[in-house]
Amino acid sequence: MRLDAELPEHPELPEHPELVQLGARWAQKPDGETGLAYGHALAARGLMDRAADVYTQLIANDYPVGYYELAWLEHDRGRHERADALLQAYLDTTATPDEFADHAAGVLGHWRWHSPNRTDAEALLRRGAAHYPSARADLGHLLRARGDDQEAEAVLRAGVAARELDSYLPLANLLDETGRSDEAEQLYRDGFDLGDAFCAFNLSLLLERHGRDDEAAAWLRKAADGGDHAAIRRLAGLD
């Protein structure tokens, strides 16, 4: 048998019925509703380039939400500068501010706060704090970084009052570091109960400082079981 023989062509797999239906609706009426439904379905199946084409066409059809969707798609593909530019374009083309635009501002502020090359996150974080939980937590971190613990505490307490998981750990840390360990302990417990395994590690450190070694060990194990790398290293004796 020749190893260099031409292999038979395999027919492409048939399109998923849902994609066929959504694609037909999009072709018949290319508006925001049909575009979002089709783009989301394509992305959910890993067809990112096709989803990007749909979002790009939404932009061309004067549906600014295309900028938002395309920004997230590009961000998830590691194209952070392009994602930033697209989300900024969304904000620039939104004539009347609304809650979703404020949410988008929070997302952009969050991205910029975590970018080493950007120093212009604060205004976006403030605008989006009440509409994107990560933006509120980042604003708390920003305020603490410049020494404004009082405002940071107020910002983070608002997040906890809204049961935003992102705010529990930084607020508990702030309280622990300013001598209010009893309240911090409860917040770590509450944050863990809501799903933040990192709260367990910090709680174990607090308990250890207070001589509650058995409890500390139990919470260290919970943190490790939840995937906290610092806890895993400590249990392994690497730290």
Protein backbone atom coordinates (compact mmCIF):
# COMPACT_ATOMS: atom_id res chain seq x y z
CA MET A 1 0.00 0.00 0.00
CA ARG A 2 1.38 3.41 -0.96
CA LEU A 3 1.89 5.65 2.04
CA ASP A 4 1.66 8.71 -0.15
CA ALA A 5 -1.61 7.67 -1.75
CA GLU A 6 -4.23 10.38 -1.83
CA LEU A 7 -6.65 9.94 1.05
CA PRO A 8 -10.35 10.00 0.23
CA GLU A 9 -12.11 13.21 1.06
CA HIS A 10 -14.49 13.05 4.01
CA PRO A 11 -17.70 15.04 3.71
CA GLU A 12 -18.12 17.79 6.26
CA LEU A 13 -20.28 16.97 9.24
CA PRO A 14 -23.80 18.31 8.84
CA GLU A 15 -24.56 21.60 10.56
CA HIS A 16 -26.24 21.28 13.94
CA PRO A 17 -30.01 21.77 13.47
CA GLU A 18 -30.10 24.61 16.00
CA LEU A 19 -27.40 26.48 14.08
CA VAL A 20 -29.26 25.97 10.82
CA GLN A 21 -32.42 27.41 12.36
CA LEU A 22 -30.70 30.35 14.04
CA GLY A 23 -28.65 31.06 10.93
CA ALA A 24 -31.80 31.16 8.82
CA ARG A 25 -33.44 33.60 11.23
CA TRP A 26 -30.32 35.78 11.19
CA ALA A 27 -30.23 35.75 7.36
CA GLN A 28 -33.91 36.64 7.15
CA LYS A 29 -33.79 39.40 9.77
CA PRO A 30 -30.23 40.47 10.71
CA ASP A 31 -30.99 42.45 13.85
CA GLY A 32 -29.70 42.48 17.42
CA GLU A 33 -31.94 39.70 18.69
CA THR A 34 -31.21 37.19 15.92
CA GLY A 35 -27.52 38.15 15.79
CA LEU A 36 -26.97 37.62 19.50
CA ALA A 37 -28.78 34.28 19.46
CA TYR A 38 -26.81 33.03 16.45
CA GLY A 39 -23.46 34.41 17.66
CA HIS A 40 -23.86 32.89 21.12
CA ALA A 41 -24.76 29.50 19.66
CA LEU A 42 -21.75 29.56 17.35
CA ALA A 43 -19.39 30.55 20.16
CA ALA A 44 -20.83 27.85 22.44
CA ARG A 45 -19.77 25.29 19.84
CA GLY A 46 -16.28 26.74 19.49
CA LEU A 47 -16.95 28.39 16.12
CA MET A 48 -15.32 31.63 17.19
CA ASP A 49 -14.46 33.02 13.76
CA ARG A 50 -18.03 32.60 12.58
CA ALA A 51 -19.34 34.18 15.78
CA ALA A 52 -16.96 37.08 15.25
CA ASP A 53 -18.32 37.54 11.72
CA VAL A 54 -21.86 37.77 13.11
CA TYR A 55 -20.86 40.33 15.73
CA THR A 56 -18.94 42.33 13.13
CA GLN A 57 -22.03 42.40 10.94
CA LEU A 58 -24.09 43.59 13.91
CA ILE A 59 -21.72 46.53 14.23
CA ALA A 60 -22.06 47.26 10.51
CA ASN A 61 -25.85 47.13 10.92
CA ASP A 62 -25.67 49.79 13.66
CA TYR A 63 -26.25 47.49 16.63
CA PRO A 64 -23.61 48.62 19.17
CA VAL A 65 -24.04 45.45 21.22
CA GLY A 66 -21.88 43.84 18.54
CA TYR A 67 -18.92 45.75 19.96
CA TYR A 68 -19.60 44.32 23.42
CA GLU A 69 -19.96 40.72 22.27
CA LEU A 70 -16.96 40.90 19.97
CA ALA A 71 -14.89 42.49 22.76
CA TRP A 72 -15.56 39.54 25.08
CA LEU A 73 -14.85 37.04 22.34
CA GLU A 74 -11.51 38.69 21.57
CA HIS A 75 -10.65 39.00 25.26
CA ASP A 76 -11.29 35.30 25.78
CA ARG A 77 -8.96 34.58 22.85
CA GLY A 78 -6.19 36.58 24.52
CA ARG A 79 -6.43 39.62 22.23
CA HIS A 80 -6.68 42.08 25.07
CA GLU A 81 -5.75 45.31 23.31
CA ARG A 82 -8.33 44.71 20.59
CA ALA A 83 -10.92 43.77 23.21
CA ASP A 84 -10.21 47.02 25.07
CA ALA A 85 -10.61 49.06 21.88
CA LEU A 86 -13.89 47.35 21.00
CA LEU A 87 -15.41 47.90 24.43
CA GLN A 88 -14.30 51.53 24.36
CA ALA A 89 -15.98 51.83 20.97
CA TYR A 90 -19.19 50.47 22.49
CA LEU A 91 -19.10 53.16 25.17
CA ASP A 92 -18.28 55.84 22.62
CA THR A 93 -21.25 54.91 20.42
CA THR A 94 -23.77 54.65 23.26
CA ALA A 95 -25.35 58.08 23.18
CA THR A 96 -27.61 57.66 26.22
CA PRO A 97 -26.01 56.07 29.30
CA ASP A 98 -28.00 53.20 30.78
CA GLU A 99 -27.41 50.33 33.18
CA PHE A 100 -25.93 48.09 30.51
CA ALA A 101 -23.51 50.81 29.42
CA ASP A 102 -22.52 51.24 33.06
CA HIS A 103 -21.97 47.47 33.23
CA ALA A 104 -19.75 47.67 30.14
CA ALA A 105 -17.80 50.51 31.77
CA GLY A 106 -17.24 48.27 34.79
CA VAL A 107 -15.98 45.46 32.58
CA LEU A 108 -13.58 47.80 30.79
CA GLY A 109 -12.39 49.25 34.09
CA HIS A 110 -11.79 45.72 35.39
CA TRP A 111 -9.71 44.86 32.32
CA ARG A 112 -7.69 48.05 32.59
CA TRP A 113 -7.09 47.67 36.33
CA HIS A 114 -5.53 44.28 35.62
CA SER A 115 -3.49 45.55 32.67
CA PRO A 116 0.05 46.61 33.61
CA ASN A 117 0.06 49.24 30.88
CA ARG A 118 -3.09 51.15 31.87
CA THR A 119 -3.55 53.69 34.65
CA ASP A 120 -6.98 55.01 33.66
CA ALA A 121 -9.26 52.50 35.33
CA GLU A 122 -10.68 54.50 38.24
CA ALA A 123 -13.40 56.48 36.47
CA LEU A 124 -14.64 53.35 34.73
CA LEU A 125 -14.58 51.35 37.96
CA ARG A 126 -16.57 54.02 39.76
CA ARG A 127 -19.12 54.15 36.96
CA GLY A 128 -19.52 50.39 36.83
CA ALA A 129 -19.12 49.45 40.51
CA ALA A 130 -22.83 48.93 41.10
CA HIS A 131 -23.29 47.03 37.84
CA TYR A 132 -20.31 44.65 37.67
CA PRO A 133 -19.15 43.00 40.92
CA SER A 134 -15.51 42.65 39.84
CA ALA A 135 -15.41 46.39 39.19
CA ARG A 136 -16.54 47.13 42.75
CA ALA A 137 -13.90 44.81 44.20
CA ASP A 138 -11.22 46.33 41.97
CA LEU A 139 -12.22 49.82 43.08
CA GLY A 140 -11.73 48.68 46.65
CA HIS A 141 -8.26 47.39 45.80
CA LEU A 142 -7.41 50.64 43.99
CA LEU A 143 -8.50 52.77 46.94
CA ARG A 144 -6.52 50.62 49.38
CA ALA A 145 -3.45 50.82 47.15
CA ARG A 146 -3.41 54.59 47.54
CA GLY A 147 -4.15 54.50 51.25
CA ASP A 148 -7.84 55.39 51.26
CA ASP A 149 -9.00 52.55 53.50
CA GLN A 150 -12.10 54.36 54.71
CA GLU A 151 -13.63 54.73 51.25
CA ALA A 152 -12.42 51.25 50.28
CA GLU A 153 -14.27 49.80 53.25
CA ALA A 154 -17.47 51.63 52.31
CA VAL A 155 -17.22 50.41 48.71
CA LEU A 156 -16.63 46.80 49.75
CA ARG A 157 -19.33 46.84 52.42
CA ALA A 158 -21.79 47.86 49.71
CA GLY A 159 -20.68 44.82 47.72
CA VAL A 160 -21.16 42.48 50.67
CA ALA A 161 -24.58 44.01 51.35
CA ALA A 162 -25.47 43.11 47.75
CA ARG A 163 -24.04 39.60 48.33
CA GLU A 164 -21.40 40.06 45.64
CA LEU A 165 -18.86 37.31 46.21
CA ASP A 166 -15.99 39.42 44.84
CA SER A 167 -16.21 41.80 47.82
CA TYR A 168 -16.08 39.33 50.71
CA LEU A 169 -12.39 38.42 50.63
CA PRO A 170 -10.98 41.96 50.20
CA LEU A 171 -13.27 43.36 52.89
CA ALA A 172 -12.36 40.56 55.29
CA ASN A 173 -8.67 41.19 54.58
CA LEU A 174 -9.09 44.91 55.26
CA LEU A 175 -10.87 44.24 58.54
CA ASP A 176 -8.31 41.66 59.63
CA GLU A 177 -5.43 44.00 58.82
CA THR A 178 -7.05 46.82 60.82
CA GLY A 179 -7.62 44.79 63.99
CA ARG A 180 -11.22 43.67 63.52
CA SER A 181 -10.54 39.96 63.33
CA ASP A 182 -13.90 38.81 64.72
CA GLU A 183 -15.83 40.45 61.88
CA ALA A 184 -13.18 39.34 59.40
CA GLU A 185 -13.55 35.74 60.55
CA GLN A 186 -17.28 35.78 59.91
CA LEU A 187 -16.81 37.32 56.47
CA TYR A 188 -14.27 34.65 55.52
CA ARG A 189 -16.79 31.99 56.58
CA ASP A 190 -19.60 33.69 54.66
CA GLY A 191 -17.43 34.09 51.57
CA PHE A 192 -16.48 30.43 51.66
CA ASP A 193 -20.12 29.42 52.01
CA LEU A 194 -20.90 31.47 48.90
CA GLY A 195 -18.21 29.64 46.94
CA ASP A 196 -14.86 31.42 47.42
CA ALA A 197 -12.31 28.79 48.47
CA PHE A 198 -9.64 31.47 48.88
CA CYS A 199 -11.52 32.73 51.93
CA ALA A 200 -10.74 29.38 53.58
CA PHE A 201 -6.98 29.90 53.29
CA ASN A 202 -7.06 33.38 54.76
CA LEU A 203 -9.34 32.16 57.53
CA SER A 204 -6.85 29.39 58.34
CA LEU A 205 -4.10 32.01 58.72
CA LEU A 206 -6.28 34.13 61.01
CA LEU A 207 -7.16 31.14 63.19
CA GLU A 208 -3.52 30.07 63.36
CA ARG A 209 -2.49 33.53 64.57
CA HIS A 210 -5.03 33.24 67.35
CA GLY A 211 -3.76 29.82 68.47
CA ARG A 212 -6.76 27.86 67.15
CA ASP A 213 -4.54 25.33 65.43
CA ASP A 214 -7.03 22.50 64.96
CA GLU A 215 -9.55 24.81 63.30
CA ALA A 216 -6.79 26.38 61.24
CA ALA A 217 -5.71 22.97 59.94
CA ALA A 218 -9.27 22.07 58.99
CA TRP A 219 -9.73 25.28 57.04
CA LEU A 220 -6.36 24.88 55.35
CA ARG A 221 -7.55 21.51 54.11
CA LYS A 222 -10.79 23.03 52.86
CA ALA A 223 -8.81 25.65 50.97
CA ALA A 224 -6.59 23.01 49.38
CA ASP A 225 -9.60 20.92 48.43
CA GLY A 226 -11.04 24.01 46.76
CA GLY A 227 -7.94 24.47 44.61
CA ASP A 228 -6.10 27.22 46.52
CA HIS A 229 -2.48 26.79 45.39
CA ALA A 230 -1.04 28.53 48.44
CA ALA A 231 -2.90 26.09 50.69
CA ILE A 232 -1.76 23.13 48.61
CA ARG A 233 1.86 24.24 48.85
CA ARG A 234 1.58 24.77 52.60
CA LEU A 235 0.12 21.31 53.16
CA ALA A 236 2.92 19.85 51.07
CA GLY A 237 5.50 21.64 53.24
CA LEU A 238 6.71 23.83 50.37
CA ASP A 239 6.02 27.10 52.20
